[in-house]
Amino acid sequence: AAPITYTFTTGVFGTGGGARSTPNAIALISPDAYISGSFTYDPDGPYLSEVTGTSASGAAYKGAVYQGIYNMEGTLHMCSLGSSYAFSAGQVGITVYNDVVLNSSFPNRLSDILGLGAGRPATLWPINGFTLGNLPLYGFGFSWGSDYFLDSNALPNSLPTFIGQLNLFFGTVDANGLASDRAHFSYPTVTPVPLPGTAMLFMSSLFGLVTGARLRKRGNLTA
């Protein structure tokens, strides 16, 4: 499958963002802030490794890590403050989890998770970030989770278009790789960008329809 360029945008920070954000991040980010950007997804990106672990529900899980995202660019827009902060990563890892038990109360409910991120670990996917107040940005994560939208731990041909979640990770990292501060943005979505050839074909077809309609109308007037 050919690589696909996506644009993305989130809801504003004050809509659900504070519930999963740390106090330091909340103090520095305006409630009307949001994130937008773009990246290229390669569904044929190379496989890197397997990842295993145990979920909060106590169930074992297994996933696969790929190099599947390129040329990621994002901007944190602080609307009411009139400022913006850019971040980017040339390469971004993407992890696929198929059929994961997340909730011990529903052991037969299997969920699928797709997550992409940079800066964690920085040696594989370094990020060009910014410093917000006294908090340096060291990573970001964009993920989707739902029931049965993946068939396996292979990369899907395209990314989900339903709502996911996006986090910016600030400050220092502890021994477990966890951020000291996090900003959570709700309602992020991605939109595929049409290929230039597709757009030209659409415009050509539209032009043909309009021209045909005008000729038919002119013919009716002169009949």
Protein backbone atom coordinates (compact mmCIF):
# COMPACT_ATOMS: atom_id res chain seq x y z
CA ALA A 1 0.00 0.00 0.00
CA ALA A 2 1.18 3.52 -0.77
CA PRO A 3 2.12 5.94 2.05
CA ILE A 4 -0.70 8.24 3.16
CA THR A 5 -0.34 11.82 4.40
CA TYR A 6 -2.68 12.77 7.25
CA THR A 7 -3.56 16.02 8.94
CA PHE A 8 -4.76 15.99 12.55
CA THR A 9 -6.38 18.28 15.07
CA THR A 10 -7.58 17.97 18.65
CA GLY A 11 -10.35 19.43 20.75
CA VAL A 12 -9.51 22.33 23.04
CA PHE A 13 -7.48 21.57 26.15
CA GLY A 14 -10.21 22.66 28.56
CA THR A 15 -12.66 20.06 27.19
CA GLY A 16 -11.71 16.91 29.05
CA GLY A 17 -8.00 17.65 28.98
CA GLY A 18 -7.62 18.57 32.62
CA ALA A 19 -8.90 15.24 33.90
CA ARG A 20 -5.78 13.42 32.72
CA SER A 21 -3.28 16.28 32.87
CA THR A 22 -0.90 17.16 35.68
CA PRO A 23 -1.30 20.42 37.64
CA ASN A 24 1.92 21.91 36.22
CA ALA A 25 0.70 21.41 32.65
CA ILE A 26 -2.76 22.79 33.48
CA ALA A 27 -1.18 25.94 34.93
CA LEU A 28 0.80 26.63 31.75
CA ILE A 29 -1.66 25.70 28.98
CA SER A 30 -4.67 27.90 28.21
CA PRO A 31 -8.11 26.21 28.27
CA ASP A 32 -8.68 27.11 24.60
CA ALA A 33 -5.39 25.57 23.43
CA TYR A 34 -5.43 22.85 20.80
CA ILE A 35 -2.94 20.91 18.67
CA SER A 36 -2.84 20.50 14.90
CA GLY A 37 -0.33 19.05 12.48
CA SER A 38 0.45 16.45 9.84
CA PHE A 39 2.47 13.29 9.21
CA THR A 40 2.96 10.54 6.64
CA TYR A 41 1.92 6.98 7.43
CA ASP A 42 3.59 4.03 5.68
CA PRO A 43 1.53 0.83 6.07
CA ASP A 44 4.52 -1.11 4.73
CA GLY A 45 6.87 0.32 7.36
CA PRO A 46 9.50 -2.11 8.67
CA TYR A 47 8.82 -4.35 11.66
CA LEU A 48 11.16 -3.56 14.58
CA SER A 49 10.30 -5.75 17.55
CA GLU A 50 7.71 -7.53 19.66
CA VAL A 51 6.46 -5.98 22.88
CA THR A 52 4.89 -7.91 25.77
CA GLY A 53 3.59 -7.02 29.18
CA THR A 54 0.71 -7.18 31.65
CA SER A 55 -2.21 -4.77 31.59
CA ALA A 56 -3.75 -3.07 34.63
CA SER A 57 -6.36 -5.82 34.64
CA GLY A 58 -3.63 -8.44 35.10
CA ALA A 59 -3.94 -9.90 31.60
CA ALA A 60 -0.86 -10.57 29.48
CA TYR A 61 -0.64 -8.76 26.17
CA LYS A 62 1.58 -8.90 23.10
CA GLY A 63 2.09 -6.33 20.39
CA ALA A 64 4.40 -5.35 17.55
CA VAL A 65 6.46 -2.18 16.99
CA TYR A 66 7.05 -0.69 13.53
CA GLN A 67 8.73 2.28 11.94
CA GLY A 68 5.59 3.56 10.27
CA ILE A 69 5.35 7.35 10.66
CA TYR A 70 7.50 9.98 8.95
CA ASN A 71 7.79 13.78 8.79
CA MET A 72 5.58 14.46 11.79
CA GLU A 73 4.95 18.16 12.45
CA GLY A 74 2.69 19.58 15.14
CA THR A 75 1.81 22.93 16.71
CA LEU A 76 0.38 23.72 20.13
CA HIS A 77 -1.89 26.74 19.60
CA MET A 78 -2.46 28.89 22.70
CA CYS A 79 -5.31 30.95 21.27
CA SER A 80 -6.14 33.38 24.08
CA LEU A 81 -2.43 33.98 24.78
CA GLY A 82 -1.65 34.62 21.12
CA SER A 83 1.27 32.19 21.07
CA SER A 84 2.13 28.87 19.45
CA TYR A 85 4.79 26.20 19.93
CA ALA A 86 6.01 23.84 17.21
CA PHE A 87 7.39 20.32 17.55
CA SER A 88 8.49 17.74 14.98
CA ALA A 89 10.00 14.31 14.47
CA GLY A 90 11.49 12.86 11.31
CA GLN A 91 10.57 9.31 12.30
CA VAL A 92 7.92 8.06 14.70
CA GLY A 93 7.30 4.56 16.02
CA ILE A 94 3.90 2.91 15.90
CA THR A 95 2.76 -0.01 18.10
CA VAL A 96 -0.09 -2.40 17.30
CA TYR A 97 -1.96 -4.42 19.94
CA ASN A 98 -4.62 -6.82 18.68
CA ASP A 99 -7.09 -8.47 21.10
CA VAL A 100 -5.97 -7.07 24.47
CA VAL A 101 -7.95 -7.63 27.69
CA LEU A 102 -8.13 -4.22 29.38
CA ASN A 103 -10.77 -4.72 32.05
CA SER A 104 -10.67 -7.60 34.52
CA SER A 105 -14.43 -7.23 35.07
CA PHE A 106 -14.97 -8.20 31.42
CA PRO A 107 -12.30 -10.83 30.71
CA ASN A 108 -13.98 -11.86 27.46
CA ARG A 109 -13.96 -8.34 26.05
CA LEU A 110 -11.01 -7.89 23.72
CA SER A 111 -9.87 -4.45 22.59
CA ASP A 112 -7.48 -3.27 19.91
CA ILE A 113 -4.98 -0.45 20.44
CA LEU A 114 -2.92 1.49 17.92
CA GLY A 115 -0.43 4.03 19.22
CA LEU A 116 2.22 6.25 17.71
CA GLY A 117 4.76 8.42 19.46
CA ALA A 118 8.19 10.02 19.50
CA GLY A 119 10.68 10.94 22.19
CA ARG A 120 10.14 7.64 24.01
CA PRO A 121 12.79 6.25 23.67
CA ALA A 122 14.61 9.31 22.40
CA THR A 123 17.39 7.21 20.88
CA LEU A 124 15.01 5.70 18.33
CA TRP A 125 12.62 8.57 17.66
CA PRO A 126 14.10 11.91 18.77
CA ILE A 127 11.74 14.87 18.88
CA ASN A 128 12.42 18.55 18.20
CA GLY A 129 10.42 20.15 20.94
CA PHE A 130 10.02 23.36 22.94
CA THR A 131 10.01 24.52 26.54
CA LEU A 132 6.76 25.67 28.08
CA GLY A 133 7.51 27.74 31.16
CA ASN A 134 10.06 25.56 32.92
CA LEU A 135 8.80 22.31 31.36
CA PRO A 136 10.70 20.96 28.33
CA LEU A 137 8.70 18.84 25.90
CA TYR A 138 10.36 15.45 25.53
CA GLY A 139 7.70 13.37 23.77
CA PHE A 140 4.18 12.92 22.50
CA GLY A 141 1.77 10.04 22.03
CA PHE A 142 -1.28 9.61 19.78
CA SER A 143 -3.41 6.50 20.25
CA TRP A 144 -6.70 4.87 19.35
CA GLY A 145 -8.51 2.14 21.25
CA SER A 146 -11.70 0.28 20.39
CA ASP A 147 -13.15 -3.21 20.04
CA TYR A 148 -12.19 -5.28 17.02
CA PHE A 149 -10.91 -2.69 14.55
CA LEU A 150 -7.66 -4.59 13.94
CA ASP A 151 -7.31 -8.06 12.43
CA SER A 152 -3.81 -8.80 13.71
CA ASN A 153 -0.62 -7.18 15.02
CA ALA A 154 0.25 -6.12 11.46
CA LEU A 155 0.04 -2.48 10.39
CA PRO A 156 -3.40 -1.65 8.95
CA ASN A 157 -3.69 -0.23 5.42
CA SER A 158 -4.96 3.06 6.85
CA LEU A 159 -5.29 4.74 10.23
CA PRO A 160 -8.58 4.93 12.17
CA THR A 161 -10.77 7.95 11.54
CA PHE A 162 -12.60 7.69 14.87
CA ILE A 163 -11.61 9.81 17.87
CA GLY A 164 -8.42 8.92 19.74
CA GLN A 165 -6.36 10.66 22.42
CA LEU A 166 -3.18 12.74 22.28
CA ASN A 167 -0.72 13.49 25.07
CA LEU A 168 2.26 15.82 25.31
CA PHE A 169 4.91 14.67 27.79
CA PHE A 170 6.92 17.30 29.66
CA GLY A 171 9.71 17.48 32.21
CA THR A 172 11.97 14.64 33.22
CA VAL A 173 11.57 10.88 32.85
CA ASP A 174 11.70 8.45 35.76
CA ALA A 175 13.18 4.95 35.81
CA ASN A 176 9.95 3.52 34.36
CA GLY A 177 9.95 5.91 31.40
CA LEU A 178 7.05 7.93 32.80
CA ALA A 179 6.83 11.70 32.38
CA SER A 180 6.82 14.03 35.33
CA ASP A 181 4.13 16.11 33.60
CA ARG A 182 1.54 15.39 30.94
CA ALA A 183 -0.97 17.42 28.92
CA HIS A 184 -3.92 15.41 27.66
CA PHE A 185 -5.94 16.56 24.64
CA SER A 186 -9.31 14.99 23.91
CA TYR A 187 -11.07 14.39 20.61
CA PRO A 188 -8.10 14.21 18.21
CA THR A 189 -8.93 12.99 14.73
CA VAL A 190 -6.88 12.38 11.58
CA THR A 191 -7.92 13.12 8.00
CA PRO A 192 -6.19 11.67 4.93
CA VAL A 193 -4.92 14.21 2.41
CA PRO A 194 -6.00 13.36 -1.17
CA LEU A 195 -3.18 12.57 -3.57
CA PRO A 196 -2.50 15.34 -6.14
CA GLY A 197 -3.65 13.06 -8.95
CA THR A 198 -6.88 12.31 -7.11
CA ALA A 199 -7.57 15.99 -6.54
CA MET A 200 -6.87 16.82 -10.19
CA LEU A 201 -9.16 14.00 -11.34
CA PHE A 202 -11.93 15.29 -9.07
CA MET A 203 -11.55 18.86 -10.35
CA SER A 204 -11.47 17.65 -13.96
CA SER A 205 -14.66 15.65 -13.44
CA LEU A 206 -16.33 18.61 -11.74
CA PHE A 207 -15.32 20.92 -14.60
CA GLY A 208 -16.74 18.43 -17.09
CA LEU A 209 -20.06 18.24 -15.27
CA VAL A 210 -20.38 22.04 -15.07
CA THR A 211 -19.43 22.50 -18.73
CA GLY A 212 -21.87 19.81 -19.82
CA ALA A 213 -24.68 21.39 -17.82
CA ARG A 214 -23.99 24.80 -19.39
CA LEU A 215 -24.00 23.37 -22.92
CA ARG A 216 -27.26 21.55 -22.31
CA LYS A 217 -28.81 24.72 -20.92
CA ARG A 218 -27.59 26.74 -23.91
CA GLY A 219 -29.00 24.13 -26.28
CA ASN A 220 -32.38 24.33 -24.62
CA LEU A 221 -32.42 28.11 -24.92
CA THR A 222 -31.62 28.10 -28.65
CA ALA A 223 -33.98 25.26 -29.56
